[in-house]
Amino acid sequence: MSHPQANESVSINLRAKARQRDLIDQAAERLGRSRSEFMLDAACRQAEDVLLNQAFFTVDAGTFEKFQALLDKPLPATDKLRRLLKTKAPWDK
């Protein structure tokens, strides 16, 4: 059995409730995309988030100590930082 190449199209089949399909179709239409394009983009974004959130980095003890020291010693407050912290978030305006 041969495996498809990385850029070769393959089939992914799934079942959905009519209301789920309709919701997906409505969103895809708003973006001018097909159902398949919309679903693949959304699924790939979620898959990337999951994988990136579970990335594991190894460092030697000295590097980890430097990293810990940076976390334990916050940067001094500046006028720019104070202004940023006082600024309302766009969704709070």
N, C-alpha and C. Protein backbone atom coordinates (compact mmCIF):
# COMPACT_ATOMS: atom_id res chain seq x y z
N MET A 1 0.85 -1.18 0.00
CA MET A 1 0.00 0.00 0.00
C MET A 1 0.90 1.24 0.00
N SER A 2 0.66 2.16 -0.93
CA SER A 2 1.49 3.36 -0.99
C SER A 2 0.86 4.47 -0.17
N HIS A 3 1.70 5.32 0.37
CA HIS A 3 1.23 6.45 1.16
C HIS A 3 1.19 7.69 0.27
N PRO A 4 0.18 8.54 0.44
CA PRO A 4 0.09 9.76 -0.38
C PRO A 4 1.24 10.71 -0.09
N GLN A 5 1.64 11.46 -1.11
CA GLN A 5 2.67 12.49 -0.95
C GLN A 5 2.09 13.63 -0.11
N ALA A 6 2.95 14.47 0.46
CA ALA A 6 2.52 15.56 1.34
C ALA A 6 1.55 16.51 0.66
N ASN A 7 1.71 16.75 -0.63
CA ASN A 7 0.84 17.71 -1.31
C ASN A 7 -0.31 17.06 -2.07
N GLU A 8 -0.44 15.75 -1.95
CA GLU A 8 -1.51 15.02 -2.62
C GLU A 8 -2.79 15.11 -1.80
N SER A 9 -3.92 15.35 -2.48
CA SER A 9 -5.21 15.42 -1.78
C SER A 9 -5.63 14.04 -1.30
N VAL A 10 -6.17 14.01 -0.09
CA VAL A 10 -6.72 12.78 0.47
C VAL A 10 -8.12 13.08 0.97
N SER A 11 -8.88 12.05 1.17
CA SER A 11 -10.26 12.21 1.63
C SER A 11 -10.33 12.10 3.15
N ILE A 12 -11.12 12.99 3.76
CA ILE A 12 -11.43 12.91 5.19
C ILE A 12 -12.95 12.93 5.29
N ASN A 13 -13.51 11.88 5.85
CA ASN A 13 -14.97 11.79 5.94
C ASN A 13 -15.41 11.90 7.39
N LEU A 14 -16.50 12.64 7.61
CA LEU A 14 -17.07 12.72 8.95
C LEU A 14 -18.56 12.97 8.85
N ARG A 15 -19.23 12.63 9.92
CA ARG A 15 -20.68 12.82 9.97
C ARG A 15 -20.96 13.99 10.91
N ALA A 16 -22.00 14.74 10.57
CA ALA A 16 -22.38 15.90 11.39
C ALA A 16 -23.89 15.98 11.44
N LYS A 17 -24.38 16.66 12.45
CA LYS A 17 -25.82 16.93 12.53
C LYS A 17 -26.14 18.05 11.54
N ALA A 18 -27.37 18.09 11.09
CA ALA A 18 -27.77 19.09 10.10
C ALA A 18 -27.53 20.50 10.61
N ARG A 19 -27.80 20.74 11.89
CA ARG A 19 -27.61 22.09 12.43
C ARG A 19 -26.13 22.47 12.45
N GLN A 20 -25.24 21.49 12.67
CA GLN A 20 -23.81 21.77 12.64
C GLN A 20 -23.37 22.12 11.21
N ARG A 21 -23.85 21.32 10.26
CA ARG A 21 -23.52 21.58 8.86
C ARG A 21 -24.01 22.96 8.43
N ASP A 22 -25.23 23.30 8.84
CA ASP A 22 -25.80 24.59 8.46
C ASP A 22 -25.00 25.75 9.06
N LEU A 23 -24.58 25.60 10.30
CA LEU A 23 -23.77 26.64 10.95
C LEU A 23 -22.44 26.82 10.22
N ILE A 24 -21.79 25.71 9.91
CA ILE A 24 -20.52 25.75 9.19
C ILE A 24 -20.72 26.38 7.81
N ASP A 25 -21.77 25.98 7.12
CA ASP A 25 -22.04 26.53 5.78
C ASP A 25 -22.28 28.03 5.85
N GLN A 26 -23.00 28.48 6.86
CA GLN A 26 -23.29 29.90 7.00
C GLN A 26 -21.99 30.69 7.22
N ALA A 27 -21.13 30.20 8.09
CA ALA A 27 -19.86 30.88 8.35
C ALA A 27 -18.97 30.84 7.11
N ALA A 28 -18.90 29.71 6.44
CA ALA A 28 -18.06 29.59 5.24
C ALA A 28 -18.54 30.55 4.16
N GLU A 29 -19.84 30.65 4.00
CA GLU A 29 -20.40 31.54 2.99
C GLU A 29 -20.04 32.99 3.29
N ARG A 30 -20.10 33.37 4.56
CA ARG A 30 -19.73 34.75 4.94
C ARG A 30 -18.30 35.08 4.55
N LEU A 31 -17.44 34.07 4.57
CA LEU A 31 -16.03 34.28 4.22
C LEU A 31 -15.75 34.01 2.75
N GLY A 32 -16.79 33.62 2.01
CA GLY A 32 -16.60 33.32 0.59
C GLY A 32 -15.79 32.06 0.35
N ARG A 33 -15.94 31.09 1.24
CA ARG A 33 -15.17 29.85 1.14
C ARG A 33 -16.10 28.66 1.03
N SER A 34 -15.56 27.57 0.61
CA SER A 34 -16.34 26.33 0.57
C SER A 34 -16.39 25.74 1.98
N ARG A 35 -17.31 24.83 2.17
CA ARG A 35 -17.41 24.13 3.45
C ARG A 35 -16.08 23.42 3.76
N SER A 36 -15.54 22.73 2.78
CA SER A 36 -14.29 21.99 2.99
C SER A 36 -13.15 22.93 3.37
N GLU A 37 -13.00 24.04 2.65
CA GLU A 37 -11.94 25.00 2.97
C GLU A 37 -12.09 25.52 4.38
N PHE A 38 -13.31 25.90 4.74
CA PHE A 38 -13.58 26.44 6.06
C PHE A 38 -13.24 25.42 7.15
N MET A 39 -13.72 24.19 6.97
CA MET A 39 -13.50 23.16 7.98
C MET A 39 -12.03 22.80 8.11
N LEU A 40 -11.33 22.69 6.98
CA LEU A 40 -9.92 22.35 7.04
C LEU A 40 -9.10 23.46 7.70
N ASP A 41 -9.39 24.70 7.36
CA ASP A 41 -8.68 25.82 7.98
C ASP A 41 -8.90 25.83 9.49
N ALA A 42 -10.16 25.67 9.91
CA ALA A 42 -10.48 25.69 11.34
C ALA A 42 -9.82 24.51 12.06
N ALA A 43 -9.89 23.34 11.46
CA ALA A 43 -9.30 22.15 12.09
C ALA A 43 -7.78 22.26 12.16
N CYS A 44 -7.15 22.76 11.12
CA CYS A 44 -5.69 22.90 11.11
C CYS A 44 -5.24 23.95 12.12
N ARG A 45 -5.98 25.05 12.24
CA ARG A 45 -5.65 26.07 13.25
C ARG A 45 -5.70 25.47 14.65
N GLN A 46 -6.75 24.72 14.92
CA GLN A 46 -6.90 24.09 16.24
C GLN A 46 -5.80 23.06 16.47
N ALA A 47 -5.48 22.28 15.45
CA ALA A 47 -4.42 21.28 15.59
C ALA A 47 -3.08 21.94 15.88
N GLU A 48 -2.78 23.03 15.18
CA GLU A 48 -1.52 23.75 15.43
C GLU A 48 -1.48 24.29 16.85
N ASP A 49 -2.60 24.84 17.33
CA ASP A 49 -2.65 25.36 18.70
C ASP A 49 -2.37 24.26 19.71
N VAL A 50 -3.00 23.11 19.52
CA VAL A 50 -2.80 21.99 20.44
C VAL A 50 -1.33 21.57 20.45
N LEU A 51 -0.76 21.43 19.26
CA LEU A 51 0.63 20.98 19.19
C LEU A 51 1.60 22.02 19.73
N LEU A 52 1.36 23.29 19.44
CA LEU A 52 2.25 24.33 19.94
C LEU A 52 2.15 24.49 21.45
N ASN A 53 0.95 24.28 22.00
CA ASN A 53 0.78 24.40 23.45
C ASN A 53 1.43 23.25 24.19
N GLN A 54 1.76 22.18 23.48
CA GLN A 54 2.37 21.04 24.13
C GLN A 54 3.85 20.89 23.76
N ALA A 55 4.40 21.96 23.16
CA ALA A 55 5.82 21.91 22.81
C ALA A 55 6.65 21.80 24.07
N PHE A 56 7.68 21.03 24.01
CA PHE A 56 8.53 20.78 25.16
C PHE A 56 9.95 21.20 24.81
N PHE A 57 10.53 22.05 25.62
CA PHE A 57 11.88 22.53 25.38
C PHE A 57 12.78 22.04 26.50
N THR A 58 13.93 21.57 26.14
CA THR A 58 14.90 21.16 27.17
C THR A 58 16.07 22.14 27.14
N VAL A 59 16.53 22.49 28.31
CA VAL A 59 17.68 23.38 28.45
C VAL A 59 18.56 22.84 29.57
N ASP A 60 19.80 23.26 29.55
CA ASP A 60 20.70 22.82 30.63
C ASP A 60 20.37 23.60 31.91
N ALA A 61 20.93 23.17 33.01
CA ALA A 61 20.61 23.76 34.32
C ALA A 61 20.95 25.25 34.37
N GLY A 62 22.08 25.64 33.80
CA GLY A 62 22.47 27.05 33.82
C GLY A 62 21.49 27.94 33.07
N THR A 63 21.05 27.49 31.90
CA THR A 63 20.08 28.26 31.11
C THR A 63 18.76 28.35 31.86
N PHE A 64 18.36 27.25 32.50
CA PHE A 64 17.10 27.27 33.25
C PHE A 64 17.17 28.24 34.43
N GLU A 65 18.30 28.29 35.10
CA GLU A 65 18.48 29.23 36.21
C GLU A 65 18.38 30.67 35.74
N LYS A 66 19.00 30.98 34.58
CA LYS A 66 18.90 32.33 34.01
C LYS A 66 17.44 32.66 33.68
N PHE A 67 16.74 31.69 33.11
CA PHE A 67 15.33 31.88 32.76
C PHE A 67 14.50 32.15 34.02
N GLN A 68 14.72 31.36 35.06
CA GLN A 68 14.01 31.54 36.33
C GLN A 68 14.30 32.92 36.92
N ALA A 69 15.55 33.35 36.84
CA ALA A 69 15.94 34.65 37.38
C ALA A 69 15.21 35.77 36.64
N LEU A 70 15.08 35.65 35.34
CA LEU A 70 14.35 36.66 34.57
C LEU A 70 12.88 36.71 34.97
N LEU A 71 12.30 35.55 35.20
CA LEU A 71 10.89 35.51 35.62
C LEU A 71 10.69 36.08 37.01
N ASP A 72 11.67 35.84 37.88
CA ASP A 72 11.56 36.29 39.28
C ASP A 72 11.84 37.78 39.45
N LYS A 73 12.47 38.40 38.47
CA LYS A 73 12.85 39.81 38.58
C LYS A 73 12.15 40.59 37.47
N PRO A 74 10.98 41.14 37.75
CA PRO A 74 10.26 41.87 36.70
C PRO A 74 11.03 43.11 36.27
N LEU A 75 10.78 43.52 35.05
CA LEU A 75 11.42 44.73 34.54
C LEU A 75 10.91 45.94 35.30
N PRO A 76 11.72 46.99 35.42
CA PRO A 76 11.26 48.19 36.12
C PRO A 76 10.14 48.86 35.34
N ALA A 77 9.21 49.44 36.06
CA ALA A 77 8.08 50.14 35.44
C ALA A 77 8.59 51.39 34.73
N THR A 78 8.09 51.62 33.54
CA THR A 78 8.43 52.82 32.78
C THR A 78 7.14 53.59 32.52
N ASP A 79 7.29 54.83 32.07
CA ASP A 79 6.10 55.61 31.73
C ASP A 79 5.29 54.92 30.64
N LYS A 80 5.99 54.34 29.68
CA LYS A 80 5.30 53.65 28.59
C LYS A 80 4.47 52.47 29.13
N LEU A 81 5.04 51.70 30.05
CA LEU A 81 4.34 50.58 30.64
C LEU A 81 3.15 51.06 31.47
N ARG A 82 3.34 52.12 32.24
CA ARG A 82 2.23 52.66 33.05
C ARG A 82 1.07 53.09 32.16
N ARG A 83 1.39 53.78 31.03
CA ARG A 83 0.33 54.20 30.09
C ARG A 83 -0.39 52.99 29.52
N LEU A 84 0.38 51.96 29.17
CA LEU A 84 -0.22 50.75 28.60
C LEU A 84 -1.18 50.11 29.60
N LEU A 85 -0.76 50.01 30.85
CA LEU A 85 -1.59 49.37 31.86
C LEU A 85 -2.85 50.18 32.18
N LYS A 86 -2.81 51.48 31.95
CA LYS A 86 -3.99 52.33 32.21
C LYS A 86 -4.95 52.37 31.02
N THR A 87 -4.48 51.94 29.86
CA THR A 87 -5.29 51.99 28.65
C THR A 87 -6.36 50.91 28.67
N LYS A 88 -7.58 51.29 28.33
CA LYS A 88 -8.67 50.30 28.28
C LYS A 88 -8.48 49.41 27.07
N ALA A 89 -8.84 48.16 27.24
CA ALA A 89 -8.80 47.22 26.12
C ALA A 89 -9.87 47.62 25.11
N PRO A 90 -9.64 47.38 23.81
CA PRO A 90 -10.62 47.78 22.80
C PRO A 90 -12.01 47.21 23.06
N TRP A 91 -12.10 46.01 23.63
CA TRP A 91 -13.41 45.40 23.88
C TRP A 91 -14.08 45.97 25.12
N ASP A 92 -13.36 46.76 25.91
CA ASP A 92 -13.94 47.39 27.09
C ASP A 92 -14.40 48.83 26.81
N LYS A 93 -14.14 49.32 25.61
CA LYS A 93 -14.50 50.71 25.29
C LYS A 93 -15.94 50.84 24.88
